[in-house]
N, C-alpha and C. Protein backbone atom coordinates (compact mmCIF):
# COMPACT_ATOMS: atom_id res chain seq x y z
N MET A 1 -121.19 -176.83 -64.31
CA MET A 1 -120.62 -177.88 -63.48
C MET A 1 -120.04 -177.24 -62.22
N TYR A 2 -120.23 -177.89 -61.12
CA TYR A 2 -119.73 -177.44 -59.83
C TYR A 2 -118.75 -178.47 -59.30
N ARG A 3 -117.73 -178.00 -58.59
CA ARG A 3 -116.76 -178.90 -57.96
C ARG A 3 -116.64 -178.53 -56.50
N PHE A 4 -116.74 -179.56 -55.65
CA PHE A 4 -116.64 -179.37 -54.22
C PHE A 4 -115.50 -180.21 -53.67
N GLU A 5 -114.86 -179.68 -52.65
CA GLU A 5 -113.82 -180.42 -51.93
C GLU A 5 -114.36 -180.75 -50.56
N LEU A 6 -114.31 -182.02 -50.23
CA LEU A 6 -114.75 -182.49 -48.92
C LEU A 6 -113.54 -182.93 -48.13
N ARG A 7 -113.47 -182.51 -46.90
CA ARG A 7 -112.43 -183.00 -45.98
C ARG A 7 -113.13 -183.97 -45.03
N VAL A 8 -112.58 -185.17 -44.95
CA VAL A 8 -113.21 -186.20 -44.13
C VAL A 8 -112.20 -186.85 -43.19
N ASP A 9 -112.69 -187.34 -42.10
CA ASP A 9 -111.87 -188.09 -41.14
C ASP A 9 -112.26 -189.56 -41.20
N GLY A 10 -111.25 -190.42 -41.09
CA GLY A 10 -111.52 -191.84 -40.95
C GLY A 10 -111.16 -192.71 -42.14
N MET A 11 -110.74 -192.13 -43.26
CA MET A 11 -110.39 -192.95 -44.43
C MET A 11 -108.96 -193.48 -44.26
N THR A 12 -108.79 -194.79 -44.50
CA THR A 12 -107.47 -195.39 -44.32
C THR A 12 -107.04 -196.33 -45.44
N CYS A 13 -107.96 -196.70 -46.35
CA CYS A 13 -107.59 -197.74 -47.32
C CYS A 13 -108.44 -197.66 -48.59
N ALA A 14 -108.16 -198.58 -49.51
CA ALA A 14 -108.89 -198.63 -50.78
C ALA A 14 -110.37 -198.95 -50.55
N ASP A 15 -110.69 -199.75 -49.54
CA ASP A 15 -112.09 -200.02 -49.23
C ASP A 15 -112.81 -198.73 -48.82
N CYS A 16 -112.10 -197.86 -48.13
CA CYS A 16 -112.68 -196.56 -47.75
C CYS A 16 -112.99 -195.74 -48.99
N GLU A 17 -112.08 -195.75 -49.94
CA GLU A 17 -112.29 -195.02 -51.19
C GLU A 17 -113.53 -195.55 -51.91
N ARG A 18 -113.66 -196.84 -51.99
CA ARG A 18 -114.83 -197.44 -52.67
C ARG A 18 -116.13 -197.09 -51.94
N ALA A 19 -116.11 -197.15 -50.62
CA ALA A 19 -117.31 -196.86 -49.84
C ALA A 19 -117.73 -195.40 -50.02
N ALA A 20 -116.78 -194.48 -49.96
CA ALA A 20 -117.10 -193.07 -50.13
C ALA A 20 -117.65 -192.80 -51.52
N THR A 21 -117.01 -193.36 -52.53
CA THR A 21 -117.46 -193.18 -53.91
C THR A 21 -118.86 -193.74 -54.09
N ARG A 22 -119.09 -194.95 -53.60
CA ARG A 22 -120.39 -195.62 -53.75
C ARG A 22 -121.51 -194.77 -53.17
N GLU A 23 -121.30 -194.22 -51.99
CA GLU A 23 -122.36 -193.43 -51.34
C GLU A 23 -122.55 -192.06 -51.99
N LEU A 24 -121.46 -191.42 -52.37
CA LEU A 24 -121.58 -190.07 -52.93
C LEU A 24 -122.20 -190.05 -54.32
N VAL A 25 -121.96 -191.07 -55.14
CA VAL A 25 -122.57 -191.07 -56.48
C VAL A 25 -124.08 -191.25 -56.41
N ARG A 26 -124.59 -191.64 -55.26
CA ARG A 26 -126.04 -191.77 -55.07
C ARG A 26 -126.72 -190.42 -54.81
N VAL A 27 -125.94 -189.39 -54.49
CA VAL A 27 -126.50 -188.06 -54.24
C VAL A 27 -126.94 -187.46 -55.56
N SER A 28 -128.13 -186.92 -55.60
CA SER A 28 -128.69 -186.33 -56.81
C SER A 28 -127.78 -185.25 -57.37
N GLY A 29 -127.44 -185.36 -58.65
CA GLY A 29 -126.62 -184.36 -59.32
C GLY A 29 -125.15 -184.66 -59.36
N VAL A 30 -124.68 -185.64 -58.57
CA VAL A 30 -123.25 -185.95 -58.54
C VAL A 30 -122.89 -186.70 -59.83
N GLU A 31 -121.86 -186.18 -60.51
CA GLU A 31 -121.39 -186.76 -61.77
C GLU A 31 -120.13 -187.61 -61.59
N ASP A 32 -119.21 -187.15 -60.72
CA ASP A 32 -117.93 -187.83 -60.58
C ASP A 32 -117.41 -187.62 -59.16
N VAL A 33 -116.68 -188.61 -58.67
CA VAL A 33 -116.08 -188.55 -57.34
C VAL A 33 -114.62 -189.00 -57.46
N GLN A 34 -113.72 -188.21 -56.88
CA GLN A 34 -112.31 -188.57 -56.83
C GLN A 34 -111.88 -188.51 -55.36
N VAL A 35 -111.14 -189.53 -54.93
CA VAL A 35 -110.79 -189.65 -53.52
C VAL A 35 -109.27 -189.73 -53.35
N ASP A 36 -108.75 -188.96 -52.41
CA ASP A 36 -107.34 -189.03 -52.00
C ASP A 36 -107.35 -189.49 -50.54
N VAL A 37 -107.22 -190.79 -50.34
CA VAL A 37 -107.33 -191.38 -49.00
C VAL A 37 -106.29 -190.81 -48.03
N PRO A 38 -104.99 -190.79 -48.38
CA PRO A 38 -104.00 -190.31 -47.40
C PRO A 38 -104.26 -188.86 -46.95
N ALA A 39 -104.75 -188.03 -47.86
CA ALA A 39 -104.99 -186.62 -47.53
C ALA A 39 -106.35 -186.41 -46.87
N GLY A 40 -107.23 -187.41 -46.94
CA GLY A 40 -108.57 -187.26 -46.38
C GLY A 40 -109.41 -186.28 -47.19
N LEU A 41 -109.20 -186.28 -48.51
CA LEU A 41 -109.92 -185.36 -49.40
C LEU A 41 -110.76 -186.11 -50.42
N ILE A 42 -111.90 -185.53 -50.73
CA ILE A 42 -112.76 -186.06 -51.77
C ILE A 42 -113.19 -184.88 -52.63
N TRP A 43 -113.07 -185.03 -53.95
CA TRP A 43 -113.56 -184.01 -54.87
C TRP A 43 -114.80 -184.55 -55.55
N VAL A 44 -115.84 -183.74 -55.57
CA VAL A 44 -117.12 -184.15 -56.12
C VAL A 44 -117.51 -183.17 -57.22
N ASP A 45 -117.74 -183.68 -58.43
CA ASP A 45 -118.21 -182.88 -59.54
C ASP A 45 -119.72 -183.09 -59.67
N CYS A 46 -120.47 -181.97 -59.77
CA CYS A 46 -121.93 -182.04 -59.77
C CYS A 46 -122.52 -181.18 -60.88
N ARG A 47 -123.70 -181.55 -61.33
CA ARG A 47 -124.45 -180.74 -62.29
C ARG A 47 -125.01 -179.50 -61.62
N SER A 48 -125.35 -179.61 -60.36
CA SER A 48 -125.90 -178.49 -59.59
C SER A 48 -125.40 -178.60 -58.16
N VAL A 49 -125.65 -177.59 -57.38
CA VAL A 49 -125.19 -177.60 -55.99
C VAL A 49 -125.98 -178.67 -55.22
N PRO A 50 -125.29 -179.67 -54.69
CA PRO A 50 -126.00 -180.73 -53.96
C PRO A 50 -126.42 -180.25 -52.58
N PRO A 51 -127.54 -180.74 -52.08
CA PRO A 51 -127.94 -180.39 -50.71
C PRO A 51 -126.89 -180.88 -49.71
N ARG A 52 -126.43 -179.98 -48.87
CA ARG A 52 -125.36 -180.33 -47.92
C ARG A 52 -125.77 -181.49 -47.03
N ASP A 53 -127.04 -181.54 -46.63
CA ASP A 53 -127.46 -182.64 -45.75
C ASP A 53 -127.34 -183.99 -46.44
N GLN A 54 -127.57 -184.03 -47.75
CA GLN A 54 -127.42 -185.30 -48.49
C GLN A 54 -125.96 -185.70 -48.60
N VAL A 55 -125.09 -184.71 -48.80
CA VAL A 55 -123.65 -185.00 -48.87
C VAL A 55 -123.16 -185.50 -47.51
N GLU A 56 -123.56 -184.81 -46.45
CA GLU A 56 -123.16 -185.23 -45.10
C GLU A 56 -123.66 -186.65 -44.81
N ALA A 57 -124.90 -186.94 -45.18
CA ALA A 57 -125.47 -188.27 -44.95
C ALA A 57 -124.70 -189.33 -45.73
N ALA A 58 -124.32 -189.03 -46.97
CA ALA A 58 -123.58 -189.99 -47.79
C ALA A 58 -122.22 -190.29 -47.16
N VAL A 59 -121.52 -189.25 -46.71
CA VAL A 59 -120.21 -189.44 -46.07
C VAL A 59 -120.38 -190.26 -44.79
N TYR A 60 -121.39 -189.93 -44.00
CA TYR A 60 -121.65 -190.66 -42.76
C TYR A 60 -122.00 -192.12 -43.05
N ASP A 61 -122.86 -192.35 -44.07
CA ASP A 61 -123.24 -193.71 -44.43
C ASP A 61 -122.05 -194.54 -44.89
N ALA A 62 -121.04 -193.86 -45.46
CA ALA A 62 -119.82 -194.56 -45.89
C ALA A 62 -118.92 -194.87 -44.69
N GLY A 63 -119.23 -194.28 -43.53
CA GLY A 63 -118.47 -194.58 -42.33
C GLY A 63 -117.48 -193.50 -41.91
N PHE A 64 -117.64 -192.29 -42.43
CA PHE A 64 -116.67 -191.23 -42.16
C PHE A 64 -117.36 -189.99 -41.62
N ASP A 65 -116.54 -189.06 -41.13
CA ASP A 65 -117.05 -187.77 -40.64
C ASP A 65 -116.63 -186.67 -41.60
N LEU A 66 -117.58 -185.85 -42.03
CA LEU A 66 -117.30 -184.70 -42.88
C LEU A 66 -116.86 -183.55 -41.99
N THR A 67 -115.65 -183.05 -42.22
CA THR A 67 -115.16 -181.95 -41.39
C THR A 67 -115.24 -180.60 -42.11
N ALA A 68 -115.28 -180.61 -43.46
CA ALA A 68 -115.41 -179.36 -44.21
C ALA A 68 -115.87 -179.66 -45.62
N MET A 69 -116.63 -178.71 -46.18
CA MET A 69 -117.09 -178.81 -47.57
C MET A 69 -116.98 -177.43 -48.17
N SER A 70 -116.22 -177.31 -49.25
CA SER A 70 -116.08 -176.01 -49.88
C SER A 70 -116.19 -176.14 -51.40
N GLU A 71 -116.78 -175.12 -52.00
CA GLU A 71 -116.90 -175.10 -53.46
C GLU A 71 -115.60 -174.55 -54.03
N LEU A 72 -115.09 -175.22 -55.06
CA LEU A 72 -113.88 -174.77 -55.73
C LEU A 72 -114.27 -173.94 -56.94
N ALA A 73 -113.36 -173.12 -57.41
CA ALA A 73 -113.62 -172.29 -58.58
C ALA A 73 -113.92 -173.18 -59.78
N ARG A 74 -114.87 -172.73 -60.58
CA ARG A 74 -115.24 -173.50 -61.77
C ARG A 74 -114.48 -173.04 -62.97
């Protein structure tokens, strides 16, 4: 299992959380998504390392900008 932390700009409310979660769970391999709206953080648990372009596209499709993506210790 892999865990990634995404830093995003533009999240302000519960609708933002739902939109980010909805788009990210569509990325192949994503198992779980946790969102901290005030901090602008999203944690993504995956079976394998997701393609960065797919993650970026999912964040963009949800209406936000991805500013950083880092893998956390497993």
